[in-house]
Every structure is written in C-alpha cells, then in structure tokens.
Amino acid sequence: MMLVLLAQNPGTPTGPEFGKASPLGLLVILVLLVGTALLVRSMNKHLKGLPETFEPEHPEPDQQADEGTDPGVIPNGTEGSDPPKPAST
C-alpha cells in the first residue's frame, strides 16, 4: 500500500497563488545584497592597506633564489661552481 502512494505522481500544482513570490523572498535578496556590499567594502579597505610589492627591500644572501625567481636559473658569475654549503651551528 505504501509503495503505491509513493509511486503516484502528485500532479502539478495549479491555482491563482501558484508561482508567485512572497515578500519574504524580496527581503532575503535585499539582505544578501547588503551583505555582499559590506563584504566588498571591507575587502577594498584591506586591499588598500597592502604594500605595492612583497619583495624584501634588503634581501639577505640566502634569499637570492626565492619564490619570485625562475626555477633552474643560475645567477651570473656562479656557473660551474658548487652550490653553497649550509652554515654549521
């Protein structure tokens, strides 16, 4: 008996109120728009506070090959030399 009820097609809803939006939907959309505007405003404030570049002003010798350099590039004057040895502590 339960399978017969579940297998039945409920039919398409009809009537004068079918498909109309409620005022609650408009309220939800307005709240989402206000929240998005506040998030964009906050993000812009944070982005204005960032430095123009993240490169160090005075890089240390051990920072010669960092994330900003091309992998596998050897600086001029060091071709054929051994890689630097780690400093012992």
PDB file of N, CA and C in Angstrom:
ATOM      1  N   MET A   1       0.820  -1.186   0.000  1.00  0.00           N
ATOM      2  CA  MET A   1       0.000   0.000   0.000  1.00  0.00           C
ATOM      3  C   MET A   1       0.871   1.260   0.000  1.00  0.00           C
ATOM      4  N   MET A   2       1.955   1.262   0.790  1.00  0.00           N
ATOM      5  CA  MET A   2       2.844   2.423   0.886  1.00  0.00           C
ATOM      6  C   MET A   2       3.558   2.666  -0.434  1.00  0.00           C
ATOM      7  N   LEU A   3       3.967   1.593  -1.141  1.00  0.00           N
ATOM      8  CA  LEU A   3       4.651   1.746  -2.415  1.00  0.00           C
ATOM      9  C   LEU A   3       3.738   2.372  -3.459  1.00  0.00           C
ATOM     10  N   VAL A   4       2.466   2.077  -3.407  1.00  0.00           N
ATOM     11  CA  VAL A   4       1.522   2.632  -4.364  1.00  0.00           C
ATOM     12  C   VAL A   4       1.404   4.138  -4.148  1.00  0.00           C
ATOM     13  N   LEU A   5       1.377   4.579  -2.876  1.00  0.00           N
ATOM     14  CA  LEU A   5       1.290   6.009  -2.580  1.00  0.00           C
ATOM     15  C   LEU A   5       2.552   6.753  -3.010  1.00  0.00           C
ATOM     16  N   LEU A   6       3.710   6.102  -2.823  1.00  0.00           N
ATOM     17  CA  LEU A   6       4.965   6.752  -3.198  1.00  0.00           C
ATOM     18  C   LEU A   6       5.135   6.802  -4.709  1.00  0.00           C
ATOM     19  N   ALA A   7       4.589   5.847  -5.425  1.00  0.00           N
ATOM     20  CA  ALA A   7       4.754   5.781  -6.864  1.00  0.00           C
ATOM     21  C   ALA A   7       3.812   6.717  -7.607  1.00  0.00           C
ATOM     22  N   GLN A   8       2.786   7.226  -6.965  1.00  0.00           N
ATOM     23  CA  GLN A   8       1.826   8.084  -7.640  1.00  0.00           C
ATOM     24  C   GLN A   8       2.427   9.454  -7.909  1.00  0.00           C
ATOM     25  N   ASN A   9       2.103  10.004  -9.061  1.00  0.00           N
ATOM     26  CA  ASN A   9       2.536  11.349  -9.421  1.00  0.00           C
ATOM     27  C   ASN A   9       1.617  12.343  -8.709  1.00  0.00           C
ATOM     28  N   PRO A  10       2.157  13.274  -7.913  1.00  0.00           N
ATOM     29  CA  PRO A  10       1.289  14.149  -7.136  1.00  0.00           C
ATOM     30  C   PRO A  10       0.517  15.144  -7.996  1.00  0.00           C
ATOM     31  N   GLY A  11       0.865  15.283  -9.253  1.00  0.00           N
ATOM     32  CA  GLY A  11       0.169  16.249 -10.104  1.00  0.00           C
ATOM     33  C   GLY A  11       0.802  17.611  -9.977  1.00  0.00           C
ATOM     34  N   THR A  12       0.627  18.422 -10.975  1.00  0.00           N
ATOM     35  CA  THR A  12       1.209  19.760 -10.931  1.00  0.00           C
ATOM     36  C   THR A  12       0.305  20.688 -10.147  1.00  0.00           C
ATOM     37  N   PRO A  13       0.864  21.494  -9.267  1.00  0.00           N
ATOM     38  CA  PRO A  13       0.031  22.430  -8.504  1.00  0.00           C
ATOM     39  C   PRO A  13      -0.495  23.535  -9.422  1.00  0.00           C
ATOM     40  N   THR A  14      -1.718  23.877  -9.223  1.00  0.00           N
ATOM     41  CA  THR A  14      -2.334  24.930 -10.027  1.00  0.00           C
ATOM     42  C   THR A  14      -3.085  25.874  -9.110  1.00  0.00           C
ATOM     43  N   GLY A  15      -3.606  26.924  -9.654  1.00  0.00           N
ATOM     44  CA  GLY A  15      -4.385  27.863  -8.863  1.00  0.00           C
ATOM     45  C   GLY A  15      -3.852  29.255  -9.011  1.00  0.00           C
ATOM     46  N   PRO A  16      -4.562  30.231  -8.466  1.00  0.00           N
ATOM     47  CA  PRO A  16      -4.155  31.625  -8.630  1.00  0.00           C
ATOM     48  C   PRO A  16      -2.884  31.981  -7.860  1.00  0.00           C
ATOM     49  N   GLU A  17      -2.537  31.240  -6.805  1.00  0.00           N
ATOM     50  CA  GLU A  17      -1.366  31.564  -5.999  1.00  0.00           C
ATOM     51  C   GLU A  17      -0.121  30.805  -6.439  1.00  0.00           C
ATOM     52  N   PHE A  18      -0.232  29.886  -7.396  1.00  0.00           N
ATOM     53  CA  PHE A  18       0.926  29.095  -7.816  1.00  0.00           C
ATOM     54  C   PHE A  18       1.924  29.954  -8.579  1.00  0.00           C
ATOM     55  N   GLY A  19       3.210  29.896  -8.178  1.00  0.00           N
ATOM     56  CA  GLY A  19       4.284  30.584  -8.870  1.00  0.00           C
ATOM     57  C   GLY A  19       4.520  32.013  -8.425  1.00  0.00           C
ATOM     58  N   LYS A  20       3.795  32.498  -7.485  1.00  0.00           N
ATOM     59  CA  LYS A  20       4.007  33.865  -7.020  1.00  0.00           C
ATOM     60  C   LYS A  20       5.053  33.882  -5.909  1.00  0.00           C
ATOM     61  N   ALA A  21       5.852  34.914  -5.898  1.00  0.00           N
ATOM     62  CA  ALA A  21       6.869  35.049  -4.867  1.00  0.00           C
ATOM     63  C   ALA A  21       6.282  35.766  -3.664  1.00  0.00           C
ATOM     64  N   SER A  22       6.820  35.437  -2.507  1.00  0.00           N
ATOM     65  CA  SER A  22       6.341  36.096  -1.288  1.00  0.00           C
ATOM     66  C   SER A  22       7.229  37.302  -0.980  1.00  0.00           C
ATOM     67  N   PRO A  23       6.776  38.213  -0.155  1.00  0.00           N
ATOM     68  CA  PRO A  23       7.620  39.349   0.249  1.00  0.00           C
ATOM     69  C   PRO A  23       8.867  38.903   1.019  1.00  0.00           C
ATOM     70  N   LEU A  24       8.799  37.718   1.597  1.00  0.00           N
ATOM     71  CA  LEU A  24       9.961  37.198   2.312  1.00  0.00           C
ATOM     72  C   LEU A  24      11.119  36.961   1.340  1.00  0.00           C
ATOM     73  N   GLY A  25      10.835  36.554   0.105  1.00  0.00           N
ATOM     74  CA  GLY A  25      11.886  36.358  -0.895  1.00  0.00           C
ATOM     75  C   GLY A  25      12.609  37.656  -1.215  1.00  0.00           C
ATOM     76  N   LEU A  26      11.859  38.737  -1.330  1.00  0.00           N
ATOM     77  CA  LEU A  26      12.460  40.044  -1.574  1.00  0.00           C
ATOM     78  C   LEU A  26      13.356  40.458  -0.408  1.00  0.00           C
ATOM     79  N   LEU A  27      12.903  40.190   0.800  1.00  0.00           N
ATOM     80  CA  LEU A  27      13.691  40.518   1.979  1.00  0.00           C
ATOM     81  C   LEU A  27      15.011  39.737   1.993  1.00  0.00           C
ATOM     82  N   VAL A  28      14.954  38.466   1.647  1.00  0.00           N
ATOM     83  CA  VAL A  28      16.166  37.639   1.619  1.00  0.00           C
ATOM     84  C   VAL A  28      17.139  38.188   0.572  1.00  0.00           C
ATOM     85  N   ILE A  29      16.652  38.557  -0.596  1.00  0.00           N
ATOM     86  CA  ILE A  29      17.513  39.092  -1.643  1.00  0.00           C
ATOM     87  C   ILE A  29      18.141  40.411  -1.201  1.00  0.00           C
ATOM     88  N   LEU A  30      17.374  41.279  -0.561  1.00  0.00           N
ATOM     89  CA  LEU A  30      17.916  42.556  -0.087  1.00  0.00           C
ATOM     90  C   LEU A  30      18.991  42.358   0.982  1.00  0.00           C
ATOM     91  N   VAL A  31      18.754  41.411   1.892  1.00  0.00           N
ATOM     92  CA  VAL A  31      19.751  41.120   2.932  1.00  0.00           C
ATOM     93  C   VAL A  31      21.033  40.594   2.296  1.00  0.00           C
ATOM     94  N   LEU A  32      20.913  39.737   1.283  1.00  0.00           N
ATOM     95  CA  LEU A  32      22.101  39.222   0.610  1.00  0.00           C
ATOM     96  C   LEU A  32      22.851  40.327  -0.135  1.00  0.00           C
ATOM     97  N   LEU A  33      22.139  41.241  -0.758  1.00  0.00           N
ATOM     98  CA  LEU A  33      22.788  42.351  -1.452  1.00  0.00           C
ATOM     99  C   LEU A  33      23.514  43.272  -0.479  1.00  0.00           C
ATOM    100  N   VAL A  34      22.906  43.579   0.648  1.00  0.00           N
ATOM    101  CA  VAL A  34      23.553  44.430   1.651  1.00  0.00           C
ATOM    102  C   VAL A  34      24.795  43.735   2.208  1.00  0.00           C
ATOM    103  N   GLY A  35      24.686  42.441   2.485  1.00  0.00           N
ATOM    104  CA  GLY A  35      25.841  41.689   2.985  1.00  0.00           C
ATOM    105  C   GLY A  35      26.972  41.661   1.978  1.00  0.00           C
ATOM    106  N   THR A  36      26.645  41.483   0.704  1.00  0.00           N
ATOM    107  CA  THR A  36      27.670  41.482  -0.338  1.00  0.00           C
ATOM    108  C   THR A  36      28.334  42.850  -0.442  1.00  0.00           C
ATOM    109  N   ALA A  37      27.554  43.920  -0.371  1.00  0.00           N
ATOM    110  CA  ALA A  37      28.124  45.273  -0.443  1.00  0.00           C
ATOM    111  C   ALA A  37      29.072  45.522   0.735  1.00  0.00           C
ATOM    112  N   LEU A  38      28.697  45.071   1.923  1.00  0.00           N
ATOM    113  CA  LEU A  38      29.570  45.255   3.091  1.00  0.00           C
ATOM    114  C   LEU A  38      30.861  44.445   2.964  1.00  0.00           C
ATOM    115  N   LEU A  39      30.761  43.238   2.420  1.00  0.00           N
ATOM    116  CA  LEU A  39      31.968  42.425   2.228  1.00  0.00           C
ATOM    117  C   LEU A  39      32.901  43.053   1.195  1.00  0.00           C
ATOM    118  N   VAL A  40      32.362  43.591   0.116  1.00  0.00           N
ATOM    119  CA  VAL A  40      33.192  44.239  -0.900  1.00  0.00           C
ATOM    120  C   VAL A  40      33.868  45.475  -0.317  1.00  0.00           C
ATOM    121  N   ARG A  41      33.142  46.242   0.466  1.00  0.00           N
ATOM    122  CA  ARG A  41      33.711  47.441   1.095  1.00  0.00           C
ATOM    123  C   ARG A  41      34.853  47.072   2.046  1.00  0.00           C
ATOM    124  N   SER A  42      34.640  46.030   2.841  1.00  0.00           N
ATOM    125  CA  SER A  42      35.681  45.591   3.765  1.00  0.00           C
ATOM    126  C   SER A  42      36.903  45.072   3.012  1.00  0.00           C
ATOM    127  N   MET A  43      36.673  44.329   1.933  1.00  0.00           N
ATOM    128  CA  MET A  43      37.790  43.799   1.154  1.00  0.00           C
ATOM    129  C   MET A  43      38.600  44.940   0.536  1.00  0.00           C
ATOM    130  N   ASN A  44      37.940  45.971   0.045  1.00  0.00           N
ATOM    131  CA  ASN A  44      38.650  47.104  -0.546  1.00  0.00           C
ATOM    132  C   ASN A  44      39.504  47.818   0.487  1.00  0.00           C
ATOM    133  N   LYS A  45      39.003  47.957   1.712  1.00  0.00           N
ATOM    134  CA  LYS A  45      39.797  48.594   2.779  1.00  0.00           C
ATOM    135  C   LYS A  45      41.055  47.785   3.056  1.00  0.00           C
ATOM    136  N   HIS A  46      40.919  46.453   3.102  1.00  0.00           N
ATOM    137  CA  HIS A  46      42.079  45.606   3.370  1.00  0.00           C
ATOM    138  C   HIS A  46      43.069  45.627   2.208  1.00  0.00           C
ATOM    139  N   LEU A  47      42.578  45.671   0.984  1.00  0.00           N
ATOM    140  CA  LEU A  47      43.475  45.688  -0.170  1.00  0.00           C
ATOM    141  C   LEU A  47      44.249  46.996  -0.260  1.00  0.00           C
ATOM    142  N   LYS A  48      43.658  48.108   0.163  1.00  0.00           N
ATOM    143  CA  LYS A  48      44.358  49.386   0.135  1.00  0.00           C
ATOM    144  C   LYS A  48      45.506  49.411   1.137  1.00  0.00           C
ATOM    145  N   GLY A  49      45.423  48.610   2.184  1.00  0.00           N
ATOM    146  CA  GLY A  49      46.468  48.581   3.191  1.00  0.00           C
ATOM    147  C   GLY A  49      47.640  47.685   2.833  1.00  0.00           C
ATOM    148  N   LEU A  50      47.559  46.935   1.734  1.00  0.00           N
ATOM    149  CA  LEU A  50      48.651  46.043   1.351  1.00  0.00           C
ATOM    150  C   LEU A  50      49.765  46.835   0.677  1.00  0.00           C
ATOM    151  N   PRO A  51      51.004  46.378   0.821  1.00  0.00           N
ATOM    152  CA  PRO A  51      52.107  47.059   0.134  1.00  0.00           C
ATOM    153  C   PRO A  51      52.017  46.824  -1.378  1.00  0.00           C
ATOM    154  N   GLU A  52      52.692  47.687  -2.141  1.00  0.00           N
ATOM    155  CA  GLU A  52      52.687  47.565  -3.606  1.00  0.00           C
ATOM    156  C   GLU A  52      53.348  46.268  -4.052  1.00  0.00           C
ATOM    157  N   THR A  53      54.429  45.883  -3.365  1.00  0.00           N
ATOM    158  CA  THR A  53      55.134  44.651  -3.689  1.00  0.00           C
ATOM    159  C   THR A  53      55.546  43.973  -2.385  1.00  0.00           C
ATOM    160  N   PHE A  54      55.725  42.667  -2.449  1.00  0.00           N
ATOM    161  CA  PHE A  54      56.114  41.918  -1.256  1.00  0.00           C
ATOM    162  C   PHE A  54      57.590  41.536  -1.282  1.00  0.00           C
ATOM    163  N   GLU A  55      58.348  42.100  -2.209  1.00  0.00           N
ATOM    164  CA  GLU A  55      59.768  41.806  -2.276  1.00  0.00           C
ATOM    165  C   GLU A  55      60.481  42.501  -1.124  1.00  0.00           C
ATOM    166  N   PRO A  56      61.452  41.818  -0.512  1.00  0.00           N
ATOM    167  CA  PRO A  56      62.182  42.454   0.593  1.00  0.00           C
ATOM    168  C   PRO A  56      63.050  43.600   0.080  1.00  0.00           C
ATOM    169  N   GLU A  57      63.172  44.651   0.882  1.00  0.00           N
ATOM    170  CA  GLU A  57      63.964  45.817   0.481  1.00  0.00           C
ATOM    171  C   GLU A  57      65.455  45.492   0.456  1.00  0.00           C
ATOM    172  N   HIS A  58      65.920  44.762   1.443  1.00  0.00           N
ATOM    173  CA  HIS A  58      67.327  44.383   1.537  1.00  0.00           C
ATOM    174  C   HIS A  58      67.399  42.867   1.712  1.00  0.00           C
ATOM    175  N   PRO A  59      67.378  42.102   0.620  1.00  0.00           N
ATOM    176  CA  PRO A  59      67.392  40.647   0.768  1.00  0.00           C
ATOM    177  C   PRO A  59      68.723  40.147   1.326  1.00  0.00           C
ATOM    178  N   GLU A  60      68.637  39.180   2.154  1.00  0.00           N
ATOM    179  CA  GLU A  60      69.827  38.552   2.715  1.00  0.00           C
ATOM    180  C   GLU A  60      70.455  37.659   1.645  1.00  0.00           C
ATOM    181  N   PRO A  61      71.736  37.310   1.775  1.00  0.00           N
ATOM    182  CA  PRO A  61      72.375  36.465   0.754  1.00  0.00           C
ATOM    183  C   PRO A  61      71.682  35.111   0.560  1.00  0.00           C
ATOM    184  N   ASP A  62      71.098  34.569   1.617  1.00  0.00           N
ATOM    185  CA  ASP A  62      70.448  33.260   1.481  1.00  0.00           C
ATOM    186  C   ASP A  62      69.078  33.368   0.808  1.00  0.00           C
ATOM    187  N   GLN A  63      68.597  34.584   0.545  1.00  0.00           N
ATOM    188  CA  GLN A  63      67.310  34.765  -0.115  1.00  0.00           C
ATOM    189  C   GLN A  63      67.481  35.082  -1.600  1.00  0.00           C
ATOM    190  N   GLN A  64      68.653  34.733  -2.157  1.00  0.00           N
ATOM    191  CA  GLN A  64      68.927  35.067  -3.537  1.00  0.00           C
ATOM    192  C   GLN A  64      67.962  34.334  -4.480  1.00  0.00           C
ATOM    193  N   ALA A  65      67.678  33.091  -4.210  1.00  0.00           N
ATOM    194  CA  ALA A  65      66.756  32.309  -5.041  1.00  0.00           C
ATOM    195  C   ALA A  65      65.503  32.044  -4.234  1.00  0.00           C
ATOM    196  N   ASP A  66      64.516  32.898  -4.379  1.00  0.00           N
ATOM    197  CA  ASP A  66      63.268  32.727  -3.643  1.00  0.00           C
ATOM    198  C   ASP A  66      62.156  32.349  -4.610  1.00  0.00           C
ATOM    199  N   GLU A  67      60.906  32.484  -4.175  1.00  0.00           N
ATOM    200  CA  GLU A  67      59.764  32.089  -4.983  1.00  0.00           C
ATOM    201  C   GLU A  67      59.593  32.967  -6.220  1.00  0.00           C
ATOM    202  N   GLY A  68      60.182  34.152  -6.235  1.00  0.00           N
ATOM    203  CA  GLY A  68      59.995  35.057  -7.349  1.00  0.00           C
ATOM    204  C   GLY A  68      60.933  34.806  -8.515  1.00  0.00           C
ATOM    205  N   THR A  69      61.937  33.939  -8.343  1.00  0.00           N
ATOM    206  CA  THR A  69      62.878  33.689  -9.426  1.00  0.00           C
ATOM    207  C   THR A  69      62.443  32.487 -10.230  1.00  0.00           C
ATOM    208  N   ASP A  70      62.936  32.425 -11.464  1.00  0.00           N
ATOM    209  CA  ASP A  70      62.613  31.283 -12.320  1.00  0.00           C
ATOM    210  C   ASP A  70      63.371  30.059 -11.838  1.00  0.00           C
ATOM    211  N   PRO A  71      62.703  28.896 -11.802  1.00  0.00           N
ATOM    212  CA  PRO A  71      63.401  27.690 -11.345  1.00  0.00           C
ATOM    213  C   PRO A  71      64.487  27.288 -12.341  1.00  0.00           C
ATOM    214  N   GLY A  72      65.633  26.900 -11.841  1.00  0.00           N
ATOM    215  CA  GLY A  72      66.719  26.434 -12.680  1.00  0.00           C
ATOM    216  C   GLY A  72      67.606  27.528 -13.221  1.00  0.00           C
ATOM    217  N   VAL A  73      67.371  28.773 -12.897  1.00  0.00           N
ATOM    218  CA  VAL A  73      68.194  29.867 -13.394  1.00  0.00           C
ATOM    219  C   VAL A  73      69.382  30.041 -12.466  1.00  0.00           C
ATOM    220  N   ILE A  74      70.569  30.113 -13.072  1.00  0.00           N
ATOM    221  CA  ILE A  74      71.784  30.310 -12.291  1.00  0.00           C
ATOM    222  C   ILE A  74      72.185  31.773 -12.422  1.00  0.00           C
ATOM    223  N   PRO A  75      72.376  32.474 -11.307  1.00  0.00           N
ATOM    224  CA  PRO A  75      72.793  33.880 -11.399  1.00  0.00           C
ATOM    225  C   PRO A  75      74.151  34.008 -12.084  1.00  0.00           C
ATOM    226  N   ASN A  76      74.405  35.150 -12.725  1.00  0.00           N
ATOM    227  CA  ASN A  76      75.674  35.381 -13.421  1.00  0.00           C
ATOM    228  C   ASN A  76      76.847  35.289 -12.461  1.00  0.00           C
ATOM    229  N   GLY A  77      77.949  34.711 -12.947  1.00  0.00           N
ATOM    230  CA  GLY A  77      79.161  34.631 -12.147  1.00  0.00           C
ATOM    231  C   GLY A  77      79.235  33.384 -11.300  1.00  0.00           C
ATOM    232  N   THR A  78      78.237  32.530 -11.299  1.00  0.00           N
ATOM    233  CA  THR A  78      78.295  31.327 -10.472  1.00  0.00           C
ATOM    234  C   THR A  78      78.202  30.065 -11.315  1.00  0.00           C
ATOM    235  N   GLU A  79      78.390  30.173 -12.660  1.00  0.00           N
ATOM    236  CA  GLU A  79      78.333  28.983 -13.493  1.00  0.00           C
ATOM    237  C   GLU A  79      79.492  28.073 -13.153  1.00  0.00           C
ATOM    238  N   GLY A  80      79.175  26.808 -12.989  1.00  0.00           N
ATOM    239  CA  GLY A  80      80.208  25.816 -12.737  1.00  0.00           C
ATOM    240  C   GLY A  80      80.649  25.747 -11.310  1.00  0.00           C
ATOM    241  N   SER A  81      80.206  26.574 -10.436  1.00  0.00           N
ATOM    242  CA  SER A  81      80.629  26.500  -9.041  1.00  0.00           C
ATOM    243  C   SER A  81      79.702  25.580  -8.275  1.00  0.00           C
ATOM    244  N   ASP A  82      80.218  25.118  -7.161  1.00  0.00           N
ATOM    245  CA  ASP A  82      79.407  24.241  -6.302  1.00  0.00           C
ATOM    246  C   ASP A  82      78.328  25.054  -5.602  1.00  0.00           C
ATOM    247  N   PRO A  83      77.201  24.399  -5.262  1.00  0.00           N
ATOM    248  CA  PRO A  83      76.170  25.125  -4.524  1.00  0.00           C
ATOM    249  C   PRO A  83      76.684  25.512  -3.142  1.00  0.00           C
ATOM    250  N   PRO A  84      76.144  26.555  -2.552  1.00  0.00           N
ATOM    251  CA  PRO A  84      76.618  26.997  -1.228  1.00  0.00           C
ATOM    252  C   PRO A  84      76.361  25.938  -0.176  1.00  0.00           C
ATOM    253  N   LYS A  85      77.294  25.830   0.747  1.00  0.00           N
ATOM    254  CA  LYS A  85      77.185  24.874   1.849  1.00  0.00           C
ATOM    255  C   LYS A  85      76.352  25.487   2.957  1.00  0.00           C
ATOM    256  N   PRO A  86      75.532  24.676   3.643  1.00  0.00           N
ATOM    257  CA  PRO A  86      74.768  25.216   4.764  1.00  0.00           C
ATOM    258  C   PRO A  86      75.695  25.606   5.911  1.00  0.00           C
ATOM    259  N   ALA A  87      75.352  26.668   6.598  1.00  0.00           N
ATOM    260  CA  ALA A  87      76.160  27.143   7.711  1.00  0.00           C
ATOM    261  C   ALA A  87      76.008  26.194   8.888  1.00  0.00           C
ATOM    262  N   SER A  88      77.105  25.854   9.499  1.00  0.00           N
ATOM    263  CA  SER A  88      77.045  24.966  10.662  1.00  0.00           C
ATOM    264  C   SER A  88      76.761  25.795  11.900  1.00  0.00           C
ATOM    265  N   THR A  89      75.982  25.207  12.782  1.00  0.00           N
ATOM    266  CA  THR A  89      75.622  25.932  14.012  1.00  0.00           C
ATOM    267  C   THR A  89      76.344  25.388  15.192  1.00  0.00           C
TER     268      THR A  89
END
